[in-house]
Amino acid sequence: MRKLTYYVACTLDGFIGDPHGDASTMFQFMDEEYAAFMNAEYPDTIPTAFRDAFGLAGVPNKRFDTVIQGLGSYRLALDAGVTSPYAHLREIVASRSLAESPDPNVELVAGDLVGRVRALKAEDGGLGIWLCGGAQVAGELADEIDELVIKSYPQVYGSGMPMFATGFGVRDFELQDVRSFGNGVVVRAYARKR
């Protein structure tokens, strides 16, 4: 069974973006030490357009072969003129408003996202599935998430887009690993307690 991993950046108070979804203030923490960690441990999460610059051209996927994101996250790429931001992965975008995919590598899911994720998880072989973001998508898939990898940045927003836009429901996870960096970023990995 393949795992669904919510690999996400957030503030100390649990927001993945400001009230409009903008998380650009977190980019200031990308220093050499932290970038080296991300390139070594999570190279699949680097957008295709930046893989050459980070020395990842031709590097095989390590953890993920599929990415799932909401339209809000995907819209950042579309607004920059990029229709397949993670062309090195199978891309799935949850959207009820896009009528057709702007790229052959991007599959749109307008209906049963949970069913689609369960089908992906049941596929034989392959690497994991990366839930890239969108508070709404994370909320919809909260019960399907097997692993959380939270990159906590040393900022407090006070309000904004939460990690999960969902109703109340307790879901327990078990700490697997913690890494801290000189820039104040802490990366925590948790496995779902089932």
C-alpha atoms as a PDB file:
ATOM      1  CA  MET A   1       0.000   0.000   0.000  1.00  0.00           C
ATOM      2  CA  ARG A   2       1.376   3.384  -1.009  1.00  0.00           C
ATOM      3  CA  LYS A   3       1.421   6.257   1.501  1.00  0.00           C
ATOM      4  CA  LEU A   4      -0.122   9.691   1.239  1.00  0.00           C
ATOM      5  CA  THR A   5       2.272  12.236   2.764  1.00  0.00           C
ATOM      6  CA  TYR A   6       1.236  15.787   3.540  1.00  0.00           C
ATOM      7  CA  TYR A   7       4.591  17.553   3.100  1.00  0.00           C
ATOM      8  CA  VAL A   8       3.898  21.170   3.902  1.00  0.00           C
ATOM      9  CA  ALA A   9       5.475  24.431   5.059  1.00  0.00           C
ATOM     10  CA  CYS A  10       3.796  26.387   7.845  1.00  0.00           C
ATOM     11  CA  THR A  11       4.308  29.082  10.416  1.00  0.00           C
ATOM     12  CA  LEU A  12       4.791  28.369  14.103  1.00  0.00           C
ATOM     13  CA  ASP A  13       1.070  28.963  14.596  1.00  0.00           C
ATOM     14  CA  GLY A  14       0.087  26.442  11.907  1.00  0.00           C
ATOM     15  CA  PHE A  15      -0.707  28.597   8.871  1.00  0.00           C
ATOM     16  CA  ILE A  16       0.384  27.562   5.370  1.00  0.00           C
ATOM     17  CA  GLY A  17      -0.291  31.005   3.979  1.00  0.00           C
ATOM     18  CA  ASP A  18      -1.645  34.424   4.820  1.00  0.00           C
ATOM     19  CA  PRO A  19      -5.417  35.049   4.559  1.00  0.00           C
ATOM     20  CA  HIS A  20      -5.016  35.066   0.742  1.00  0.00           C
ATOM     21  CA  GLY A  21      -2.853  31.924   0.680  1.00  0.00           C
ATOM     22  CA  ASP A  22       0.440  33.739   0.074  1.00  0.00           C
ATOM     23  CA  ALA A  23       3.388  32.068   1.822  1.00  0.00           C
ATOM     24  CA  SER A  24       6.188  33.989   0.115  1.00  0.00           C
ATOM     25  CA  THR A  25       7.512  35.354   3.433  1.00  0.00           C
ATOM     26  CA  MET A  26       8.751  31.827   4.189  1.00  0.00           C
ATOM     27  CA  PHE A  27      11.154  31.859   1.210  1.00  0.00           C
ATOM     28  CA  GLN A  28      13.634  34.005   3.144  1.00  0.00           C
ATOM     29  CA  PHE A  29      14.660  30.927   5.153  1.00  0.00           C
ATOM     30  CA  MET A  30      16.079  29.050   2.155  1.00  0.00           C
ATOM     31  CA  ASP A  31      19.761  29.061   3.049  1.00  0.00           C
ATOM     32  CA  GLU A  32      22.536  26.685   1.992  1.00  0.00           C
ATOM     33  CA  GLU A  33      22.167  24.226   4.883  1.00  0.00           C
ATOM     34  CA  TYR A  34      18.389  23.942   4.549  1.00  0.00           C
ATOM     35  CA  ALA A  35      18.473  23.743   0.733  1.00  0.00           C
ATOM     36  CA  ALA A  36      21.036  20.931   0.916  1.00  0.00           C
ATOM     37  CA  PHE A  37      18.722  18.986   3.228  1.00  0.00           C
ATOM     38  CA  MET A  38      15.693  19.486   0.980  1.00  0.00           C
ATOM     39  CA  ASN A  39      17.639  18.527  -2.153  1.00  0.00           C
ATOM     40  CA  ALA A  40      18.996  15.382  -0.493  1.00  0.00           C
ATOM     41  CA  GLU A  41      15.881  14.236   1.362  1.00  0.00           C
ATOM     42  CA  TYR A  42      12.952  15.611  -0.663  1.00  0.00           C
ATOM     43  CA  PRO A  43      14.266  16.248  -4.190  1.00  0.00           C
ATOM     44  CA  ASP A  44      10.942  15.230  -5.754  1.00  0.00           C
ATOM     45  CA  THR A  45       9.281  18.307  -4.230  1.00  0.00           C
ATOM     46  CA  ILE A  46      11.461  20.770  -6.130  1.00  0.00           C
ATOM     47  CA  PRO A  47       9.509  22.177  -9.104  1.00  0.00           C
ATOM     48  CA  THR A  48      10.755  20.893 -12.443  1.00  0.00           C
ATOM     49  CA  ALA A  49      11.811  24.387 -13.602  1.00  0.00           C
ATOM     50  CA  PHE A  50      14.288  24.633 -10.693  1.00  0.00           C
ATOM     51  CA  ARG A  51      15.712  21.116 -10.742  1.00  0.00           C
ATOM     52  CA  ASP A  52      18.607  22.008 -13.066  1.00  0.00           C
ATOM     53  CA  ALA A  53      19.610  24.997 -10.928  1.00  0.00           C
ATOM     54  CA  PHE A  54      19.627  22.787  -7.805  1.00  0.00           C
ATOM     55  CA  GLY A  55      21.719  20.077  -9.496  1.00  0.00           C
ATOM     56  CA  LEU A  56      18.794  17.657  -9.667  1.00  0.00           C
ATOM     57  CA  ALA A  57      18.549  17.217 -13.437  1.00  0.00           C
ATOM     58  CA  GLY A  58      18.215  13.508 -14.144  1.00  0.00           C
ATOM     59  CA  VAL A  59      18.047  12.599 -10.435  1.00  0.00           C
ATOM     60  CA  PRO A  60      15.450   9.845 -10.036  1.00  0.00           C
ATOM     61  CA  ASN A  61      12.496  10.408  -7.739  1.00  0.00           C
ATOM     62  CA  LYS A  62      13.328   9.351  -4.199  1.00  0.00           C
ATOM     63  CA  ARG A  63      10.081   9.466  -2.211  1.00  0.00           C
ATOM     64  CA  PHE A  64       7.193  10.417  -4.494  1.00  0.00           C
ATOM     65  CA  ASP A  65       5.961   9.650  -7.984  1.00  0.00           C
ATOM     66  CA  THR A  66       2.637  11.507  -7.685  1.00  0.00           C
ATOM     67  CA  VAL A  67       1.649  14.962  -6.438  1.00  0.00           C
ATOM     68  CA  ILE A  68      -1.842  16.109  -5.460  1.00  0.00           C
ATOM     69  CA  GLN A  69      -2.723  19.738  -5.006  1.00  0.00           C
ATOM     70  CA  GLY A  70      -5.689  22.050  -5.006  1.00  0.00           C
ATOM     71  CA  LEU A  71      -6.399  24.694  -7.594  1.00  0.00           C
ATOM     72  CA  GLY A  72      -5.105  27.464  -5.306  1.00  0.00           C
ATOM     73  CA  SER A  73      -1.655  25.881  -5.166  1.00  0.00           C
ATOM     74  CA  TYR A  74      -1.736  24.988  -8.856  1.00  0.00           C
ATOM     75  CA  ARG A  75      -2.874  28.513  -9.752  1.00  0.00           C
ATOM     76  CA  LEU A  76       0.521  29.881  -8.611  1.00  0.00           C
ATOM     77  CA  ALA A  77       2.156  27.933 -11.452  1.00  0.00           C
ATOM     78  CA  LEU A  78      -0.561  28.782 -13.983  1.00  0.00           C
ATOM     79  CA  ASP A  79      -0.208  32.487 -13.209  1.00  0.00           C
ATOM     80  CA  ALA A  80       3.522  32.140 -13.974  1.00  0.00           C
ATOM     81  CA  GLY A  81       2.720  30.456 -17.307  1.00  0.00           C
ATOM     82  CA  VAL A  82       3.661  26.953 -16.119  1.00  0.00           C
ATOM     83  CA  THR A  83       1.051  24.281 -16.822  1.00  0.00           C
ATOM     84  CA  SER A  84       3.009  21.340 -15.366  1.00  0.00           C
ATOM     85  CA  PRO A  85       5.033  22.549 -12.356  1.00  0.00           C
ATOM     86  CA  TYR A  86       6.029  19.012 -11.335  1.00  0.00           C
ATOM     87  CA  ALA A  87       6.480  17.406 -14.747  1.00  0.00           C
ATOM     88  CA  HIS A  88       8.783  14.782 -13.189  1.00  0.00           C
ATOM     89  CA  LEU A  89       5.763  13.485 -11.210  1.00  0.00           C
ATOM     90  CA  ARG A  90       2.234  12.390 -12.061  1.00  0.00           C
ATOM     91  CA  GLU A  91       0.233  15.523 -11.286  1.00  0.00           C
ATOM     92  CA  ILE A  92      -3.310  15.557  -9.952  1.00  0.00           C
ATOM     93  CA  VAL A  93      -5.199  18.788  -9.336  1.00  0.00           C
ATOM     94  CA  ALA A  94      -8.435  18.858  -7.363  1.00  0.00           C
ATOM     95  CA  SER A  95     -10.670  21.409  -9.044  1.00  0.00           C
ATOM     96  CA  ARG A  96     -14.364  21.820  -9.671  1.00  0.00           C
ATOM     97  CA  SER A  97     -13.905  24.969 -11.744  1.00  0.00           C
ATOM     98  CA  LEU A  98     -11.333  24.004 -14.395  1.00  0.00           C
ATOM     99  CA  ALA A  99     -13.241  22.454 -17.306  1.00  0.00           C
ATOM    100  CA  GLU A 100     -10.225  20.809 -18.900  1.00  0.00           C
ATOM    101  CA  SER A 101      -6.605  20.269 -18.044  1.00  0.00           C
ATOM    102  CA  PRO A 102      -4.182  22.804 -19.520  1.00  0.00           C
ATOM    103  CA  ASP A 103      -1.476  20.107 -19.719  1.00  0.00           C
ATOM    104  CA  PRO A 104      -1.471  16.395 -20.665  1.00  0.00           C
ATOM    105  CA  ASN A 105       0.564  15.604 -17.520  1.00  0.00           C
ATOM    106  CA  VAL A 106      -2.077  17.140 -15.227  1.00  0.00           C
ATOM    107  CA  GLU A 107      -5.133  15.091 -14.291  1.00  0.00           C
ATOM    108  CA  LEU A 108      -8.093  17.041 -12.962  1.00  0.00           C
ATOM    109  CA  VAL A 109     -10.313  15.510 -10.272  1.00  0.00           C
ATOM    110  CA  ALA A 110     -13.622  17.309  -9.855  1.00  0.00           C
ATOM    111  CA  GLY A 111     -15.556  14.666  -7.964  1.00  0.00           C
ATOM    112  CA  ASP A 112     -14.535  11.934  -5.569  1.00  0.00           C
ATOM    113  CA  LEU A 113     -11.031  12.965  -4.490  1.00  0.00           C
ATOM    114  CA  VAL A 114     -10.990  10.507  -1.586  1.00  0.00           C
ATOM    115  CA  GLY A 115     -11.871   7.667  -3.971  1.00  0.00           C
ATOM    116  CA  ARG A 116      -9.128   8.741  -6.387  1.00  0.00           C
ATOM    117  CA  VAL A 117      -6.554   8.824  -3.569  1.00  0.00           C
ATOM    118  CA  ARG A 118      -7.632   5.399  -2.339  1.00  0.00           C
ATOM    119  CA  ALA A 119      -7.163   4.037  -5.868  1.00  0.00           C
ATOM    120  CA  LEU A 120      -3.685   5.600  -6.049  1.00  0.00           C
ATOM    121  CA  LYS A 121      -2.751   4.135  -2.668  1.00  0.00           C
ATOM    122  CA  ALA A 122      -3.886   0.681  -3.792  1.00  0.00           C
ATOM    123  CA  GLU A 123      -1.668   0.674  -6.897  1.00  0.00           C
ATOM    124  CA  ASP A 124       1.117  -1.892  -6.908  1.00  0.00           C
ATOM    125  CA  GLY A 125       4.674  -0.657  -6.573  1.00  0.00           C
ATOM    126  CA  GLY A 126       5.662   2.904  -7.089  1.00  0.00           C
ATOM    127  CA  LEU A 127       6.733   5.528  -4.642  1.00  0.00           C
ATOM    128  CA  GLY A 128       4.588   7.595  -2.317  1.00  0.00           C
ATOM    129  CA  ILE A 129       1.985  10.233  -3.008  1.00  0.00           C
ATOM    130  CA  TRP A 130       2.732  13.817  -2.033  1.00  0.00           C
ATOM    131  CA  LEU A 131      -0.103  16.043  -0.896  1.00  0.00           C
ATOM    132  CA  CYS A 132       1.352  19.411  -1.832  1.00  0.00           C
ATOM    133  CA  GLY A 133      -1.264  21.631  -0.463  1.00  0.00           C
ATOM    134  CA  GLY A 134      -4.342  23.468  -0.260  1.00  0.00           C
ATOM    135  CA  ALA A 135      -6.064  23.682   3.096  1.00  0.00           C
ATOM    136  CA  GLN A 136      -9.342  22.543   1.526  1.00  0.00           C
ATOM    137  CA  VAL A 137      -7.746  19.525  -0.143  1.00  0.00           C
ATOM    138  CA  ALA A 138      -5.871  18.616   3.053  1.00  0.00           C
ATOM    139  CA  GLY A 139      -9.119  18.863   4.981  1.00  0.00           C
ATOM    140  CA  GLU A 140     -10.916  16.644   2.493  1.00  0.00           C
ATOM    141  CA  LEU A 141      -8.103  14.071   2.630  1.00  0.00           C
ATOM    142  CA  ALA A 142      -7.364  14.303   6.376  1.00  0.00           C
ATOM    143  CA  ASP A 143      -8.440  10.711   7.055  1.00  0.00           C
ATOM    144  CA  GLU A 144      -6.317   9.397   4.158  1.00  0.00           C
ATOM    145  CA  ILE A 145      -3.040  11.013   5.266  1.00  0.00           C
ATOM    146  CA  ASP A 146      -0.510   8.397   6.421  1.00  0.00           C
ATOM    147  CA  GLU A 147       2.386  10.724   7.126  1.00  0.00           C
ATOM    148  CA  LEU A 148       2.895  14.394   7.953  1.00  0.00           C
ATOM    149  CA  VAL A 149       6.152  16.184   7.181  1.00  0.00           C
ATOM    150  CA  ILE A 150       5.837  19.692   8.578  1.00  0.00           C
ATOM    151  CA  LYS A 151       8.433  22.329   7.796  1.00  0.00           C
ATOM    152  CA  SER A 152       7.868  24.901  10.567  1.00  0.00           C
ATOM    153  CA  TYR A 153       9.236  28.342   9.798  1.00  0.00           C
ATOM    154  CA  PRO A 154      10.071  30.773  12.637  1.00  0.00           C
ATOM    155  CA  GLN A 155       7.205  33.148  11.890  1.00  0.00           C
ATOM    156  CA  VAL A 156       3.784  33.811  13.400  1.00  0.00           C
ATOM    157  CA  TYR A 157       0.967  34.997  11.119  1.00  0.00           C
ATOM    158  CA  GLY A 158      -1.817  35.310  13.677  1.00  0.00           C
ATOM    159  CA  SER A 159      -4.378  34.337  11.042  1.00  0.00           C
ATOM    160  CA  GLY A 160      -4.405  32.951   7.568  1.00  0.00           C
ATOM    161  CA  MET A 161      -4.826  29.673   5.726  1.00  0.00           C
ATOM    162  CA  PRO A 162      -4.697  26.747   8.182  1.00  0.00           C
ATOM    163  CA  MET A 163      -2.943  23.459   7.450  1.00  0.00           C
ATOM    164  CA  PHE A 164      -6.364  21.776   7.371  1.00  0.00           C
ATOM    165  CA  ALA A 165      -9.671  23.387   6.471  1.00  0.00           C
ATOM    166  CA  THR A 166     -11.963  20.816   8.015  1.00  0.00           C
ATOM    167  CA  GLY A 167     -14.383  20.284  10.832  1.00  0.00           C
ATOM    168  CA  PHE A 168     -13.186  19.122  14.206  1.00  0.00           C
ATOM    169  CA  GLY A 169     -11.878  15.563  14.356  1.00  0.00           C
ATOM    170  CA  VAL A 170      -8.994  14.150  16.362  1.00  0.00           C
ATOM    171  CA  ARG A 171      -6.427  12.255  14.312  1.00  0.00           C
ATOM    172  CA  ASP A 172      -3.375  10.938  16.144  1.00  0.00           C
ATOM    173  CA  PHE A 173       0.143  10.848  14.742  1.00  0.00           C
ATOM    174  CA  GLU A 174       3.414   9.532  16.149  1.00  0.00           C
ATOM    175  CA  LEU A 175       6.670  11.505  15.932  1.00  0.00           C
ATOM    176  CA  GLN A 176       9.244   9.790  13.710  1.00  0.00           C
ATOM    177  CA  ASP A 177      11.977  12.371  13.199  1.00  0.00           C
ATOM    178  CA  VAL A 178      12.947  15.980  13.963  1.00  0.00           C
ATOM    179  CA  ARG A 179      15.571  18.073  12.189  1.00  0.00           C
ATOM    180  CA  SER A 180      16.441  21.635  13.120  1.00  0.00           C
ATOM    181  CA  PHE A 181      18.481  24.134  11.153  1.00  0.00           C
ATOM    182  CA  GLY A 182      20.521  27.227  11.942  1.00  0.00           C
ATOM    183  CA  ASN A 183      17.954  29.427  10.193  1.00  0.00           C
ATOM    184  CA  GLY A 184      15.310  28.442  12.772  1.00  0.00           C
ATOM    185  CA  VAL A 185      13.401  26.006  10.546  1.00  0.00           C
ATOM    186  CA  VAL A 186      12.339  22.715  12.151  1.00  0.00           C
ATOM    187  CA  VAL A 187      11.231  19.736  10.043  1.00  0.00           C
ATOM    188  CA  ARG A 188       9.123  17.171  11.878  1.00  0.00           C
ATOM    189  CA  ALA A 189       7.966  13.861  10.424  1.00  0.00           C
ATOM    190  CA  TYR A 190       4.997  11.999  11.889  1.00  0.00           C
ATOM    191  CA  ALA A 191       3.388   8.652  11.051  1.00  0.00           C
ATOM    192  CA  ARG A 192      -0.351   8.120  11.378  1.00  0.00           C
ATOM    193  CA  LYS A 193      -1.380   6.040  14.399  1.00  0.00           C
ATOM    194  CA  ARG A 194      -3.914   3.535  13.082  1.00  0.00           C
END
